[in-house]
Amino acid sequence: MIILIADDDADDRMFLEQAMRQNGYKQGIQFVNDGEELMDYLNRQGSYNSQNAPWPSMLILDLNMPRKNGFQALVEIKEDPKLRRLPVIVMTTSSADEDVLKTYNLGVNSFVTKPFNYNRLVEIVGTLKAYWMDTAKLP
């Protein structure tokens, strides 16, 4: 199982990976820095190909990224027949009701607000792992 994380913040990526490893996730984690790079990865364009961009089982998507934000990338993913089944979990600093509604209307599978405490992040990642990786059957 490969997890693809789209987040422009290097610290957030590092903490998220540490929290996943702390929860026993041993499989591969891939990172992209923004929505443009995310779409290149998923479509295997530019510097991405089947060798360096394994197909993810799940995408963890930040909303606030440069070049192409998470909302824009989510629209492209859910409108593309070959990408739309990819489970997308939004993990962002926003807790605004309009962001929650907008992402669910666009087809996101789950919306999580990033905690400001590492221990809470470990708990949240443990819950996500228990459901998305250990319980749910993914396409």
N, C-alpha and C. Protein backbone atom coordinates (compact mmCIF):
# COMPACT_ATOMS: atom_id res chain seq x y z
N MET A 1 0.85 -1.18 0.00
CA MET A 1 0.00 0.00 0.00
C MET A 1 0.89 1.24 0.00
N ILE A 2 0.70 2.08 -0.97
CA ILE A 2 1.44 3.34 -1.07
C ILE A 2 0.50 4.48 -0.67
N ILE A 3 0.99 5.34 0.20
CA ILE A 3 0.25 6.55 0.58
C ILE A 3 0.94 7.72 -0.11
N LEU A 4 0.17 8.52 -0.81
CA LEU A 4 0.68 9.73 -1.45
C LEU A 4 0.23 10.92 -0.61
N ILE A 5 1.18 11.76 -0.23
CA ILE A 5 0.88 12.94 0.58
C ILE A 5 1.21 14.17 -0.23
N ALA A 6 0.20 15.03 -0.43
CA ALA A 6 0.38 16.29 -1.14
C ALA A 6 0.31 17.42 -0.12
N ASP A 7 1.46 17.99 0.20
CA ASP A 7 1.53 19.05 1.21
C ASP A 7 2.80 19.86 0.94
N ASP A 8 2.68 21.17 0.92
CA ASP A 8 3.83 22.01 0.63
C ASP A 8 4.70 22.30 1.84
N ASP A 9 4.26 21.96 3.04
CA ASP A 9 5.00 22.25 4.26
C ASP A 9 5.89 21.06 4.64
N ALA A 10 7.20 21.25 4.57
CA ALA A 10 8.15 20.17 4.85
C ALA A 10 8.00 19.63 6.27
N ASP A 11 7.76 20.52 7.23
CA ASP A 11 7.59 20.06 8.61
C ASP A 11 6.35 19.19 8.76
N ASP A 12 5.24 19.62 8.14
CA ASP A 12 4.01 18.83 8.20
C ASP A 12 4.22 17.46 7.57
N ARG A 13 4.94 17.40 6.46
CA ARG A 13 5.22 16.11 5.82
C ARG A 13 6.04 15.23 6.74
N MET A 14 7.06 15.80 7.38
CA MET A 14 7.92 15.03 8.27
C MET A 14 7.13 14.50 9.47
N PHE A 15 6.33 15.37 10.11
CA PHE A 15 5.55 14.94 11.27
C PHE A 15 4.52 13.89 10.89
N LEU A 16 3.90 14.04 9.74
CA LEU A 16 2.91 13.07 9.30
C LEU A 16 3.56 11.72 9.04
N GLU A 17 4.71 11.71 8.39
CA GLU A 17 5.41 10.45 8.17
C GLU A 17 5.82 9.82 9.50
N GLN A 18 6.35 10.61 10.43
CA GLN A 18 6.73 10.08 11.74
C GLN A 18 5.52 9.48 12.47
N ALA A 19 4.38 10.18 12.41
CA ALA A 19 3.17 9.68 13.06
C ALA A 19 2.71 8.37 12.43
N MET A 20 2.83 8.28 11.11
CA MET A 20 2.45 7.03 10.44
C MET A 20 3.37 5.89 10.85
N ARG A 21 4.67 6.15 10.88
CA ARG A 21 5.63 5.12 11.28
C ARG A 21 5.41 4.72 12.74
N GLN A 22 5.12 5.70 13.59
CA GLN A 22 4.87 5.42 15.00
C GLN A 22 3.63 4.54 15.19
N ASN A 23 2.71 4.62 14.24
CA ASN A 23 1.50 3.79 14.28
C ASN A 23 1.68 2.46 13.55
N GLY A 24 2.91 2.15 13.19
CA GLY A 24 3.19 0.85 12.60
C GLY A 24 3.05 0.75 11.10
N TYR A 25 2.89 1.89 10.42
CA TYR A 25 2.79 1.86 8.96
C TYR A 25 4.18 1.67 8.38
N LYS A 26 4.40 0.57 7.70
CA LYS A 26 5.73 0.24 7.20
C LYS A 26 5.83 0.35 5.68
N GLN A 27 4.72 0.50 5.00
CA GLN A 27 4.74 0.55 3.55
C GLN A 27 5.26 1.91 3.05
N GLY A 28 5.20 2.08 1.75
CA GLY A 28 5.76 3.26 1.11
C GLY A 28 4.93 4.52 1.28
N ILE A 29 5.64 5.62 1.39
CA ILE A 29 5.03 6.94 1.44
C ILE A 29 5.72 7.78 0.38
N GLN A 30 4.93 8.40 -0.46
CA GLN A 30 5.43 9.30 -1.50
C GLN A 30 4.94 10.70 -1.18
N PHE A 31 5.73 11.71 -1.56
CA PHE A 31 5.37 13.10 -1.29
C PHE A 31 5.40 13.93 -2.57
N VAL A 32 4.47 14.86 -2.66
CA VAL A 32 4.51 15.91 -3.67
C VAL A 32 4.28 17.23 -2.95
N ASN A 33 4.78 18.32 -3.55
CA ASN A 33 4.79 19.61 -2.87
C ASN A 33 3.62 20.53 -3.19
N ASP A 34 2.90 20.25 -4.25
CA ASP A 34 1.78 21.13 -4.61
C ASP A 34 0.85 20.39 -5.57
N GLY A 35 -0.24 21.05 -5.93
CA GLY A 35 -1.24 20.43 -6.79
C GLY A 35 -0.76 20.13 -8.19
N GLU A 36 0.10 20.97 -8.74
CA GLU A 36 0.66 20.70 -10.07
C GLU A 36 1.48 19.42 -10.05
N GLU A 37 2.36 19.30 -9.05
CA GLU A 37 3.19 18.11 -8.93
C GLU A 37 2.32 16.87 -8.66
N LEU A 38 1.26 17.06 -7.87
CA LEU A 38 0.32 15.96 -7.59
C LEU A 38 -0.28 15.43 -8.88
N MET A 39 -0.76 16.32 -9.73
CA MET A 39 -1.40 15.87 -10.97
C MET A 39 -0.38 15.25 -11.91
N ASP A 40 0.85 15.78 -11.93
CA ASP A 40 1.90 15.14 -12.74
C ASP A 40 2.17 13.73 -12.23
N TYR A 41 2.23 13.56 -10.92
CA TYR A 41 2.45 12.24 -10.32
C TYR A 41 1.33 11.29 -10.72
N LEU A 42 0.08 11.70 -10.50
CA LEU A 42 -1.05 10.81 -10.78
C LEU A 42 -1.19 10.48 -12.26
N ASN A 43 -0.84 11.43 -13.12
CA ASN A 43 -0.94 11.21 -14.57
C ASN A 43 0.37 10.72 -15.17
N ARG A 44 1.38 10.58 -14.32
CA ARG A 44 2.71 10.13 -14.74
C ARG A 44 3.21 10.96 -15.91
N GLN A 45 3.27 12.26 -15.63
CA GLN A 45 3.76 13.22 -16.61
C GLN A 45 5.01 13.90 -16.06
N GLY A 46 5.69 14.64 -16.92
CA GLY A 46 6.89 15.34 -16.48
C GLY A 46 7.93 14.35 -16.03
N SER A 47 8.42 14.52 -14.82
CA SER A 47 9.48 13.65 -14.30
C SER A 47 8.94 12.36 -13.68
N TYR A 48 7.62 12.14 -13.72
CA TYR A 48 7.02 10.96 -13.09
C TYR A 48 6.68 9.89 -14.12
N ASN A 49 6.96 8.64 -13.74
CA ASN A 49 6.63 7.49 -14.58
C ASN A 49 6.27 6.32 -13.68
N SER A 50 5.99 5.17 -14.25
CA SER A 50 5.55 4.03 -13.45
C SER A 50 6.65 3.52 -12.52
N GLN A 51 7.90 3.85 -12.80
CA GLN A 51 9.00 3.40 -11.94
C GLN A 51 9.15 4.24 -10.67
N ASN A 52 9.00 5.55 -10.79
CA ASN A 52 9.22 6.43 -9.63
C ASN A 52 7.93 6.99 -9.05
N ALA A 53 6.80 6.60 -9.60
CA ALA A 53 5.50 7.08 -9.11
C ALA A 53 4.54 5.91 -8.99
N PRO A 54 4.77 5.02 -8.01
CA PRO A 54 3.86 3.89 -7.85
C PRO A 54 2.44 4.37 -7.55
N TRP A 55 1.47 3.63 -8.06
CA TRP A 55 0.08 4.04 -7.88
C TRP A 55 -0.28 4.01 -6.40
N PRO A 56 -0.82 5.12 -5.89
CA PRO A 56 -1.16 5.17 -4.46
C PRO A 56 -2.48 4.46 -4.17
N SER A 57 -2.56 3.93 -2.96
CA SER A 57 -3.82 3.36 -2.48
C SER A 57 -4.69 4.44 -1.87
N MET A 58 -4.06 5.54 -1.50
CA MET A 58 -4.77 6.63 -0.84
C MET A 58 -3.97 7.92 -1.00
N LEU A 59 -4.69 9.04 -1.03
CA LEU A 59 -4.07 10.36 -1.11
C LEU A 59 -4.45 11.15 0.13
N ILE A 60 -3.45 11.72 0.79
CA ILE A 60 -3.69 12.68 1.87
C ILE A 60 -3.36 14.04 1.28
N LEU A 61 -4.37 14.91 1.24
CA LEU A 61 -4.31 16.16 0.48
C LEU A 61 -4.47 17.38 1.37
N ASP A 62 -3.49 18.28 1.29
CA ASP A 62 -3.60 19.59 1.94
C ASP A 62 -4.35 20.51 0.98
N LEU A 63 -5.11 21.43 1.52
CA LEU A 63 -5.86 22.35 0.67
C LEU A 63 -5.05 23.57 0.26
N ASN A 64 -4.20 24.05 1.16
CA ASN A 64 -3.49 25.32 0.93
C ASN A 64 -2.09 25.05 0.41
N MET A 65 -2.00 24.96 -0.92
CA MET A 65 -0.71 24.72 -1.57
C MET A 65 -0.53 25.72 -2.69
N PRO A 66 0.71 26.00 -3.06
CA PRO A 66 0.96 26.92 -4.17
C PRO A 66 0.68 26.27 -5.53
N ARG A 67 0.69 27.10 -6.54
CA ARG A 67 0.50 26.74 -7.95
C ARG A 67 -0.89 26.19 -8.22
N LYS A 68 -1.25 25.08 -7.63
CA LYS A 68 -2.59 24.52 -7.75
C LYS A 68 -2.97 24.05 -6.36
N ASN A 69 -4.05 24.60 -5.81
CA ASN A 69 -4.41 24.24 -4.44
C ASN A 69 -5.15 22.90 -4.40
N GLY A 70 -5.43 22.45 -3.19
CA GLY A 70 -6.08 21.16 -3.02
C GLY A 70 -7.48 21.09 -3.60
N PHE A 71 -8.22 22.19 -3.55
CA PHE A 71 -9.56 22.21 -4.15
C PHE A 71 -9.47 21.97 -5.65
N GLN A 72 -8.55 22.68 -6.31
CA GLN A 72 -8.40 22.54 -7.76
C GLN A 72 -7.96 21.12 -8.13
N ALA A 73 -7.01 20.58 -7.38
CA ALA A 73 -6.56 19.21 -7.65
C ALA A 73 -7.69 18.21 -7.41
N LEU A 74 -8.47 18.41 -6.35
CA LEU A 74 -9.59 17.51 -6.04
C LEU A 74 -10.60 17.49 -7.18
N VAL A 75 -10.91 18.65 -7.74
CA VAL A 75 -11.83 18.73 -8.89
C VAL A 75 -11.30 17.87 -10.03
N GLU A 76 -10.02 18.04 -10.36
CA GLU A 76 -9.43 17.28 -11.47
C GLU A 76 -9.45 15.78 -11.19
N ILE A 77 -9.14 15.40 -9.97
CA ILE A 77 -9.12 13.97 -9.61
C ILE A 77 -10.51 13.37 -9.74
N LYS A 78 -11.50 14.02 -9.19
CA LYS A 78 -12.85 13.44 -9.16
C LYS A 78 -13.55 13.52 -10.51
N GLU A 79 -13.07 14.39 -11.42
CA GLU A 79 -13.65 14.45 -12.76
C GLU A 79 -13.01 13.48 -13.74
N ASP A 80 -11.87 12.92 -13.38
CA ASP A 80 -11.13 12.03 -14.26
C ASP A 80 -11.53 10.58 -13.98
N PRO A 81 -12.11 9.88 -14.97
CA PRO A 81 -12.56 8.50 -14.74
C PRO A 81 -11.46 7.56 -14.24
N LYS A 82 -10.21 7.79 -14.62
CA LYS A 82 -9.15 6.88 -14.17
C LYS A 82 -8.60 7.26 -12.79
N LEU A 83 -8.95 8.42 -12.27
CA LEU A 83 -8.46 8.86 -10.97
C LEU A 83 -9.54 8.90 -9.88
N ARG A 84 -10.80 8.98 -10.28
CA ARG A 84 -11.87 9.30 -9.33
C ARG A 84 -12.06 8.29 -8.20
N ARG A 85 -11.62 7.05 -8.39
CA ARG A 85 -11.78 6.05 -7.33
C ARG A 85 -10.71 6.14 -6.25
N LEU A 86 -9.69 6.95 -6.49
CA LEU A 86 -8.63 7.10 -5.50
C LEU A 86 -9.20 7.73 -4.23
N PRO A 87 -9.12 7.05 -3.10
CA PRO A 87 -9.62 7.64 -1.86
C PRO A 87 -8.78 8.86 -1.48
N VAL A 88 -9.47 9.96 -1.19
CA VAL A 88 -8.80 11.22 -0.86
C VAL A 88 -9.22 11.64 0.54
N ILE A 89 -8.22 11.83 1.38
CA ILE A 89 -8.44 12.36 2.72
C ILE A 89 -7.83 13.74 2.76
N VAL A 90 -8.66 14.74 2.97
CA VAL A 90 -8.14 16.10 3.14
C VAL A 90 -7.64 16.22 4.57
N MET A 91 -6.40 16.67 4.71
CA MET A 91 -5.83 16.96 6.02
C MET A 91 -5.23 18.36 5.91
N THR A 92 -5.88 19.31 6.56
CA THR A 92 -5.54 20.71 6.38
C THR A 92 -5.68 21.47 7.69
N THR A 93 -5.13 22.66 7.74
CA THR A 93 -5.24 23.49 8.95
C THR A 93 -6.64 24.10 9.08
N SER A 94 -7.37 24.14 8.00
CA SER A 94 -8.70 24.75 8.02
C SER A 94 -9.70 23.89 8.78
N SER A 95 -10.57 24.57 9.50
CA SER A 95 -11.72 23.88 10.09
C SER A 95 -13.00 24.61 9.70
N ALA A 96 -12.89 25.46 8.69
CA ALA A 96 -14.03 26.26 8.24
C ALA A 96 -15.12 25.37 7.65
N ASP A 97 -16.34 25.62 8.08
CA ASP A 97 -17.48 24.82 7.58
C ASP A 97 -17.57 24.86 6.07
N GLU A 98 -17.30 26.02 5.46
CA GLU A 98 -17.41 26.12 4.00
C GLU A 98 -16.37 25.24 3.30
N ASP A 99 -15.18 25.08 3.89
CA ASP A 99 -14.17 24.18 3.31
C ASP A 99 -14.60 22.72 3.44
N VAL A 100 -15.16 22.38 4.59
CA VAL A 100 -15.65 21.01 4.79
C VAL A 100 -16.74 20.70 3.76
N LEU A 101 -17.73 21.58 3.65
CA LEU A 101 -18.83 21.35 2.70
C LEU A 101 -18.34 21.30 1.26
N LYS A 102 -17.46 22.24 0.91
CA LYS A 102 -16.97 22.30 -0.47
C LYS A 102 -16.22 21.01 -0.84
N THR A 103 -15.36 20.53 0.06
CA THR A 103 -14.60 19.32 -0.27
C THR A 103 -15.50 18.09 -0.37
N TYR A 104 -16.47 17.98 0.52
CA TYR A 104 -17.40 16.83 0.41
C TYR A 104 -18.24 16.94 -0.85
N ASN A 105 -18.65 18.15 -1.21
CA ASN A 105 -19.40 18.32 -2.46
C ASN A 105 -18.56 17.96 -3.67
N LEU A 106 -17.24 18.11 -3.56
CA LEU A 106 -16.35 17.76 -4.66
C LEU A 106 -15.99 16.27 -4.66
N GLY A 107 -16.37 15.54 -3.61
CA GLY A 107 -16.17 14.09 -3.60
C GLY A 107 -15.08 13.57 -2.68
N VAL A 108 -14.60 14.40 -1.76
CA VAL A 108 -13.58 13.92 -0.83
C VAL A 108 -14.16 12.79 0.02
N ASN A 109 -13.30 11.87 0.45
CA ASN A 109 -13.75 10.75 1.25
C ASN A 109 -13.73 11.02 2.75
N SER A 110 -12.87 11.95 3.17
CA SER A 110 -12.79 12.29 4.58
C SER A 110 -12.11 13.65 4.72
N PHE A 111 -12.49 14.39 5.75
CA PHE A 111 -11.92 15.71 6.02
C PHE A 111 -11.42 15.71 7.46
N VAL A 112 -10.13 16.03 7.64
CA VAL A 112 -9.51 16.06 8.95
C VAL A 112 -8.76 17.38 9.10
N THR A 113 -8.97 18.03 10.24
CA THR A 113 -8.22 19.24 10.54
C THR A 113 -6.91 18.86 11.21
N LYS A 114 -5.81 19.40 10.68
CA LYS A 114 -4.50 19.10 11.26
C LYS A 114 -4.45 19.62 12.70
N PRO A 115 -4.02 18.79 13.60
CA PRO A 115 -3.86 19.25 14.99
C PRO A 115 -2.56 20.04 15.14
N PHE A 116 -2.49 20.85 16.16
CA PHE A 116 -1.28 21.62 16.43
C PHE A 116 -0.38 20.93 17.44
N ASN A 117 -0.76 19.73 17.86
CA ASN A 117 -0.04 18.98 18.86
C ASN A 117 0.36 17.64 18.25
N TYR A 118 1.65 17.28 18.34
CA TYR A 118 2.14 16.06 17.72
C TYR A 118 1.46 14.81 18.29
N ASN A 119 1.26 14.76 19.59
CA ASN A 119 0.61 13.58 20.19
C ASN A 119 -0.79 13.40 19.64
N ARG A 120 -1.50 14.50 19.42
CA ARG A 120 -2.84 14.42 18.83
C ARG A 120 -2.75 13.95 17.38
N LEU A 121 -1.71 14.38 16.66
CA LEU A 121 -1.51 13.92 15.28
C LEU A 121 -1.31 12.41 15.26
N VAL A 122 -0.52 11.90 16.18
CA VAL A 122 -0.30 10.45 16.27
C VAL A 122 -1.63 9.73 16.50
N GLU A 123 -2.48 10.26 17.38
CA GLU A 123 -3.80 9.67 17.63
C GLU A 123 -4.66 9.68 16.37
N ILE A 124 -4.70 10.81 15.69
CA ILE A 124 -5.51 10.94 14.47
C ILE A 124 -5.02 9.98 13.40
N VAL A 125 -3.72 9.93 13.20
CA VAL A 125 -3.15 9.02 12.20
C VAL A 125 -3.46 7.57 12.57
N GLY A 126 -3.42 7.25 13.85
CA GLY A 126 -3.78 5.90 14.29
C GLY A 126 -5.21 5.56 13.93
N THR A 127 -6.11 6.51 14.12
CA THR A 127 -7.52 6.31 13.77
C THR A 127 -7.68 6.15 12.27
N LEU A 128 -7.01 7.01 11.49
CA LEU A 128 -7.08 6.91 10.03
C LEU A 128 -6.53 5.56 9.57
N LYS A 129 -5.41 5.14 10.15
CA LYS A 129 -4.81 3.86 9.77
C LYS A 129 -5.76 2.72 10.10
N ALA A 130 -6.34 2.76 11.29
CA ALA A 130 -7.25 1.68 11.70
C ALA A 130 -8.41 1.54 10.72
N TYR A 131 -8.95 2.66 10.26
CA TYR A 131 -10.08 2.57 9.35
C TYR A 131 -9.62 2.35 7.90
N TRP A 132 -8.84 3.28 7.36
CA TRP A 132 -8.52 3.27 5.94
C TRP A 132 -7.56 2.17 5.53
N MET A 133 -6.65 1.78 6.42
CA MET A 133 -5.65 0.80 6.02
C MET A 133 -5.90 -0.60 6.57
N ASP A 134 -6.54 -0.67 7.75
CA ASP A 134 -6.75 -1.97 8.37
C ASP A 134 -8.17 -2.51 8.23
N THR A 135 -9.16 -1.63 7.98
CA THR A 135 -10.55 -2.05 7.97
C THR A 135 -11.19 -1.94 6.58
N ALA A 136 -11.13 -0.75 5.99
CA ALA A 136 -11.79 -0.51 4.70
C ALA A 136 -11.10 -1.28 3.58
N LYS A 137 -11.90 -1.72 2.62
CA LYS A 137 -11.34 -2.33 1.41
C LYS A 137 -11.24 -1.25 0.36
N LEU A 138 -10.02 -0.99 -0.08
CA LEU A 138 -9.76 0.09 -1.03
C LEU A 138 -9.74 -0.45 -2.45
N PRO A 139 -10.11 0.40 -3.41
CA PRO A 139 -10.11 -0.05 -4.82
C PRO A 139 -8.70 -0.32 -5.33
